[in-house]
Amino acid sequence: MEGNDPAVPTRDGRAVIRPATEAIAMTEPTLEDVERSLERAIDLETEEAIAVLRTARADLQTLAADPDIDEALRQDLENTVAQRLRQVDNRDEYDSELGAAMNPDDDDAP
């Protein structure tokens, strides 16, 4: 097998997969990427959600230097990411039934 075929036959006839040599192009984050990350983080476990939200926050900081970005939307997303990070941090406290003590006005607190 020749050319760009990743399977290379060995002498005994078995195929060996050779790693791709082409670099994967990294793209700049977009506001849409951040919005998708926000949606995805809702259903994740605490540690995974925090990692996704921190990445989204870093992406928003990167996008701040882009003059073509809708700054009002970027700022709104930045505020939403900060809010979601607080919510995820508080998730464990609600799960351990400390929620009512922390928010006595919240009728849904355990």
N, C-alpha and C. Protein backbone atom coordinates (compact mmCIF):
# COMPACT_ATOMS: atom_id res chain seq x y z
N MET A 1 0.84 -1.17 0.00
CA MET A 1 0.00 0.00 0.00
C MET A 1 0.88 1.23 0.00
N GLU A 2 0.53 2.16 -0.84
CA GLU A 2 1.37 3.33 -0.98
C GLU A 2 0.58 4.60 -0.76
N GLY A 3 1.29 5.71 -0.85
CA GLY A 3 0.64 7.02 -0.77
C GLY A 3 0.25 7.36 0.65
N ASN A 4 -0.95 7.90 0.81
CA ASN A 4 -1.42 8.37 2.10
C ASN A 4 -2.21 7.32 2.87
N ASP A 5 -2.23 6.08 2.41
CA ASP A 5 -2.96 5.03 3.09
C ASP A 5 -2.31 4.75 4.43
N PRO A 6 -3.06 4.87 5.54
CA PRO A 6 -2.45 4.68 6.85
C PRO A 6 -2.15 3.24 7.18
N ALA A 7 -2.76 2.26 6.47
CA ALA A 7 -2.48 0.84 6.75
C ALA A 7 -1.28 0.40 5.93
N VAL A 8 -0.28 -0.14 6.58
CA VAL A 8 0.93 -0.59 5.91
C VAL A 8 1.06 -2.09 6.18
N PRO A 9 1.08 -2.93 5.12
CA PRO A 9 1.21 -4.37 5.36
C PRO A 9 2.61 -4.73 5.83
N THR A 10 2.68 -5.71 6.73
CA THR A 10 3.98 -6.21 7.17
C THR A 10 4.32 -7.45 6.34
N ARG A 11 5.49 -8.02 6.57
CA ARG A 11 5.92 -9.19 5.80
C ARG A 11 5.00 -10.38 5.98
N ASP A 12 4.39 -10.50 7.17
CA ASP A 12 3.50 -11.65 7.40
C ASP A 12 2.07 -11.36 6.97
N GLY A 13 1.82 -10.23 6.33
CA GLY A 13 0.51 -9.93 5.78
C GLY A 13 -0.42 -9.15 6.68
N ARG A 14 -0.04 -8.97 7.92
CA ARG A 14 -0.90 -8.17 8.82
C ARG A 14 -0.70 -6.69 8.53
N ALA A 15 -1.74 -5.93 8.75
CA ALA A 15 -1.65 -4.49 8.52
C ALA A 15 -1.26 -3.79 9.81
N VAL A 16 -0.38 -2.83 9.70
CA VAL A 16 0.01 -1.99 10.81
C VAL A 16 -0.47 -0.59 10.49
N ILE A 17 -1.16 0.00 11.42
CA ILE A 17 -1.65 1.36 11.20
C ILE A 17 -0.54 2.33 11.58
N ARG A 18 -0.17 3.16 10.63
CA ARG A 18 0.87 4.14 10.93
C ARG A 18 0.19 5.45 11.32
N PRO A 19 0.79 6.17 12.23
CA PRO A 19 0.17 7.42 12.69
C PRO A 19 0.13 8.45 11.56
N ALA A 20 -0.90 9.27 11.60
CA ALA A 20 -1.02 10.33 10.61
C ALA A 20 0.10 11.33 10.83
N THR A 21 0.68 11.79 9.75
CA THR A 21 1.78 12.74 9.87
C THR A 21 1.32 14.18 9.66
N GLU A 22 0.08 14.33 9.23
CA GLU A 22 -0.43 15.69 9.02
C GLU A 22 -0.84 16.28 10.36
N ALA A 23 -0.48 17.51 10.57
CA ALA A 23 -0.86 18.18 11.81
C ALA A 23 -2.33 18.55 11.76
N ILE A 24 -2.99 18.40 12.87
CA ILE A 24 -4.39 18.81 12.96
C ILE A 24 -4.41 20.32 13.18
N ALA A 25 -5.13 20.99 12.33
CA ALA A 25 -5.19 22.45 12.42
C ALA A 25 -6.03 22.86 13.62
N MET A 26 -5.48 23.68 14.48
CA MET A 26 -6.21 24.21 15.62
C MET A 26 -6.89 25.50 15.17
N THR A 27 -8.16 25.59 15.46
CA THR A 27 -8.89 26.78 15.08
C THR A 27 -9.08 27.67 16.29
N GLU A 28 -9.26 28.91 16.02
CA GLU A 28 -9.53 29.86 17.09
C GLU A 28 -10.93 29.59 17.62
N PRO A 29 -11.13 29.77 18.93
CA PRO A 29 -12.47 29.58 19.47
C PRO A 29 -13.44 30.64 18.94
N THR A 30 -14.70 30.30 18.93
CA THR A 30 -15.73 31.25 18.51
C THR A 30 -16.72 31.42 19.66
N LEU A 31 -17.55 32.44 19.56
CA LEU A 31 -18.59 32.64 20.56
C LEU A 31 -19.56 31.45 20.55
N GLU A 32 -19.79 30.88 19.37
CA GLU A 32 -20.67 29.72 19.27
C GLU A 32 -20.07 28.53 20.01
N ASP A 33 -18.75 28.37 19.94
CA ASP A 33 -18.08 27.30 20.69
C ASP A 33 -18.32 27.47 22.18
N VAL A 34 -18.21 28.69 22.65
CA VAL A 34 -18.42 28.97 24.07
C VAL A 34 -19.86 28.67 24.46
N GLU A 35 -20.81 29.06 23.61
CA GLU A 35 -22.22 28.78 23.90
C GLU A 35 -22.46 27.27 23.99
N ARG A 36 -21.85 26.50 23.09
CA ARG A 36 -21.99 25.04 23.13
C ARG A 36 -21.38 24.48 24.42
N SER A 37 -20.25 25.03 24.83
CA SER A 37 -19.60 24.58 26.06
C SER A 37 -20.49 24.84 27.27
N LEU A 38 -21.15 25.99 27.27
CA LEU A 38 -22.07 26.31 28.36
C LEU A 38 -23.20 25.29 28.44
N GLU A 39 -23.75 24.94 27.31
CA GLU A 39 -24.84 23.96 27.27
C GLU A 39 -24.34 22.58 27.72
N ARG A 40 -23.17 22.20 27.25
CA ARG A 40 -22.60 20.90 27.57
C ARG A 40 -22.30 20.76 29.05
N ALA A 41 -21.86 21.83 29.68
CA ALA A 41 -21.44 21.79 31.08
C ALA A 41 -22.61 21.52 32.02
N ILE A 42 -23.82 21.80 31.58
CA ILE A 42 -24.99 21.64 32.45
C ILE A 42 -25.13 20.21 32.95
N ASP A 43 -24.90 19.24 32.08
CA ASP A 43 -25.14 17.84 32.43
C ASP A 43 -23.90 17.09 32.90
N LEU A 44 -22.78 17.76 33.01
CA LEU A 44 -21.54 17.09 33.39
C LEU A 44 -21.39 17.01 34.91
N GLU A 45 -20.58 16.07 35.34
CA GLU A 45 -20.23 15.97 36.75
C GLU A 45 -19.43 17.22 37.13
N THR A 46 -19.33 17.48 38.41
CA THR A 46 -18.76 18.73 38.90
C THR A 46 -17.38 19.03 38.33
N GLU A 47 -16.44 18.10 38.45
CA GLU A 47 -15.07 18.36 37.99
C GLU A 47 -15.00 18.58 36.49
N GLU A 48 -15.76 17.78 35.74
CA GLU A 48 -15.77 17.94 34.28
C GLU A 48 -16.40 19.27 33.89
N ALA A 49 -17.49 19.63 34.56
CA ALA A 49 -18.16 20.89 34.27
C ALA A 49 -17.24 22.08 34.54
N ILE A 50 -16.53 22.02 35.65
CA ILE A 50 -15.60 23.11 35.98
C ILE A 50 -14.51 23.21 34.92
N ALA A 51 -13.98 22.08 34.45
CA ALA A 51 -12.94 22.11 33.42
C ALA A 51 -13.47 22.72 32.13
N VAL A 52 -14.67 22.34 31.73
CA VAL A 52 -15.27 22.87 30.49
C VAL A 52 -15.52 24.37 30.63
N LEU A 53 -16.02 24.78 31.79
CA LEU A 53 -16.31 26.21 32.00
C LEU A 53 -15.03 27.04 32.09
N ARG A 54 -14.00 26.50 32.67
CA ARG A 54 -12.72 27.24 32.72
C ARG A 54 -12.13 27.38 31.32
N THR A 55 -12.28 26.35 30.51
CA THR A 55 -11.82 26.45 29.12
C THR A 55 -12.63 27.50 28.38
N ALA A 56 -13.93 27.53 28.61
CA ALA A 56 -14.80 28.54 27.98
C ALA A 56 -14.37 29.94 28.41
N ARG A 57 -14.05 30.09 29.68
CA ARG A 57 -13.61 31.40 30.19
C ARG A 57 -12.30 31.82 29.52
N ALA A 58 -11.37 30.87 29.35
CA ALA A 58 -10.10 31.16 28.68
C ALA A 58 -10.35 31.52 27.21
N ASP A 59 -11.28 30.81 26.57
CA ASP A 59 -11.62 31.12 25.17
C ASP A 59 -12.17 32.54 25.05
N LEU A 60 -13.00 32.93 26.00
CA LEU A 60 -13.57 34.28 25.97
C LEU A 60 -12.48 35.34 26.17
N GLN A 61 -11.51 35.04 27.01
CA GLN A 61 -10.40 35.97 27.20
C GLN A 61 -9.58 36.09 25.92
N THR A 62 -9.40 34.98 25.22
CA THR A 62 -8.70 35.00 23.93
C THR A 62 -9.47 35.84 22.92
N LEU A 63 -10.78 35.66 22.91
CA LEU A 63 -11.63 36.38 21.96
C LEU A 63 -11.69 37.88 22.25
N ALA A 64 -11.36 38.30 23.45
CA ALA A 64 -11.41 39.72 23.80
C ALA A 64 -10.47 40.55 22.93
N ALA A 65 -9.42 39.92 22.43
CA ALA A 65 -8.46 40.63 21.59
C ALA A 65 -8.89 40.73 20.14
N ASP A 66 -9.96 40.04 19.77
CA ASP A 66 -10.44 40.02 18.39
C ASP A 66 -11.38 41.19 18.15
N PRO A 67 -10.99 42.15 17.30
CA PRO A 67 -11.84 43.33 17.07
C PRO A 67 -13.13 43.02 16.31
N ASP A 68 -13.22 41.85 15.69
CA ASP A 68 -14.41 41.49 14.92
C ASP A 68 -15.49 40.79 15.75
N ILE A 69 -15.20 40.54 17.02
CA ILE A 69 -16.15 39.84 17.89
C ILE A 69 -17.18 40.81 18.44
N ASP A 70 -18.40 40.34 18.58
CA ASP A 70 -19.48 41.11 19.21
C ASP A 70 -19.14 41.21 20.70
N GLU A 71 -18.63 42.35 21.11
CA GLU A 71 -18.14 42.52 22.48
C GLU A 71 -19.26 42.39 23.50
N ALA A 72 -20.45 42.87 23.18
CA ALA A 72 -21.57 42.78 24.12
C ALA A 72 -21.92 41.30 24.37
N LEU A 73 -21.97 40.51 23.32
CA LEU A 73 -22.25 39.08 23.47
C LEU A 73 -21.12 38.38 24.21
N ARG A 74 -19.88 38.74 23.90
CA ARG A 74 -18.74 38.13 24.58
C ARG A 74 -18.80 38.42 26.08
N GLN A 75 -19.11 39.66 26.43
CA GLN A 75 -19.21 40.05 27.84
C GLN A 75 -20.37 39.31 28.52
N ASP A 76 -21.48 39.18 27.82
CA ASP A 76 -22.63 38.46 28.37
C ASP A 76 -22.26 37.00 28.62
N LEU A 77 -21.56 36.39 27.68
CA LEU A 77 -21.13 35.01 27.86
C LEU A 77 -20.12 34.88 29.00
N GLU A 78 -19.26 35.87 29.14
CA GLU A 78 -18.29 35.85 30.24
C GLU A 78 -19.02 35.88 31.59
N ASN A 79 -20.06 36.71 31.69
CA ASN A 79 -20.86 36.77 32.91
C ASN A 79 -21.59 35.45 33.16
N THR A 80 -22.09 34.84 32.09
CA THR A 80 -22.79 33.57 32.21
C THR A 80 -21.84 32.47 32.67
N VAL A 81 -20.63 32.45 32.12
CA VAL A 81 -19.64 31.45 32.53
C VAL A 81 -19.33 31.62 34.02
N ALA A 82 -19.13 32.84 34.47
CA ALA A 82 -18.84 33.08 35.89
C ALA A 82 -20.01 32.61 36.76
N GLN A 83 -21.22 32.87 36.31
CA GLN A 83 -22.40 32.44 37.06
C GLN A 83 -22.49 30.91 37.11
N ARG A 84 -22.24 30.27 35.98
CA ARG A 84 -22.30 28.79 35.94
C ARG A 84 -21.21 28.17 36.81
N LEU A 85 -20.04 28.80 36.84
CA LEU A 85 -18.97 28.29 37.72
C LEU A 85 -19.42 28.35 39.18
N ARG A 86 -20.07 29.45 39.56
CA ARG A 86 -20.59 29.56 40.93
C ARG A 86 -21.65 28.50 41.19
N GLN A 87 -22.53 28.28 40.21
CA GLN A 87 -23.58 27.27 40.37
C GLN A 87 -22.99 25.88 40.56
N VAL A 88 -22.00 25.55 39.76
CA VAL A 88 -21.37 24.23 39.86
C VAL A 88 -20.67 24.09 41.20
N ASP A 89 -20.00 25.15 41.64
CA ASP A 89 -19.32 25.11 42.94
C ASP A 89 -20.34 24.87 44.06
N ASN A 90 -21.51 25.47 43.93
CA ASN A 90 -22.55 25.33 44.96
C ASN A 90 -23.33 24.04 44.84
N ARG A 91 -23.20 23.35 43.72
CA ARG A 91 -23.96 22.11 43.48
C ARG A 91 -23.70 21.09 44.59
N ASP A 92 -22.46 20.93 44.99
CA ASP A 92 -22.13 19.96 46.03
C ASP A 92 -22.75 20.35 47.36
N GLU A 93 -22.81 21.64 47.64
CA GLU A 93 -23.40 22.09 48.90
C GLU A 93 -24.90 21.80 48.92
N TYR A 94 -25.57 21.96 47.80
CA TYR A 94 -26.98 21.62 47.73
C TYR A 94 -27.17 20.11 47.86
N ASP A 95 -26.28 19.35 47.22
CA ASP A 95 -26.38 17.89 47.27
C ASP A 95 -26.16 17.36 48.68
N SER A 96 -25.39 18.07 49.48
CA SER A 96 -25.13 17.62 50.85
C SER A 96 -26.13 18.22 51.83
N GLU A 97 -27.21 18.78 51.32
CA GLU A 97 -28.31 19.34 52.09
C GLU A 97 -27.92 20.55 52.94
N LEU A 98 -26.94 21.29 52.50
CA LEU A 98 -26.61 22.55 53.15
C LEU A 98 -27.29 23.71 52.43
N GLY A 99 -28.00 23.43 51.37
CA GLY A 99 -28.60 24.47 50.55
C GLY A 99 -29.56 25.35 51.30
N ALA A 100 -30.40 24.78 52.14
CA ALA A 100 -31.38 25.58 52.88
C ALA A 100 -30.68 26.53 53.84
N ALA A 101 -29.60 26.07 54.45
CA ALA A 101 -28.86 26.94 55.36
C ALA A 101 -28.20 28.08 54.62
N MET A 102 -27.77 27.82 53.36
CA MET A 102 -27.09 28.84 52.58
C MET A 102 -28.09 29.81 51.95
N ASN A 103 -29.27 29.32 51.57
CA ASN A 103 -30.27 30.15 50.90
C ASN A 103 -31.64 29.91 51.54
N PRO A 104 -31.90 30.49 52.67
CA PRO A 104 -33.18 30.25 53.34
C PRO A 104 -34.38 30.73 52.54
N ASP A 105 -34.19 31.65 51.62
CA ASP A 105 -35.30 32.16 50.81
C ASP A 105 -35.61 31.27 49.61
N ASP A 106 -34.78 30.27 49.36
CA ASP A 106 -34.96 29.38 48.22
C ASP A 106 -35.84 28.21 48.63
N ASP A 107 -37.09 28.21 48.13
CA ASP A 107 -38.05 27.16 48.50
C ASP A 107 -37.63 25.79 47.97
N ASP A 108 -36.81 25.76 46.94
CA ASP A 108 -36.37 24.49 46.36
C ASP A 108 -35.13 23.94 47.03
N ALA A 109 -34.55 24.69 47.96
CA ALA A 109 -33.32 24.21 48.62
C ALA A 109 -33.65 23.02 49.50
N PRO A 110 -32.80 22.02 49.54
CA PRO A 110 -33.05 20.84 50.36
C PRO A 110 -33.02 21.16 51.84
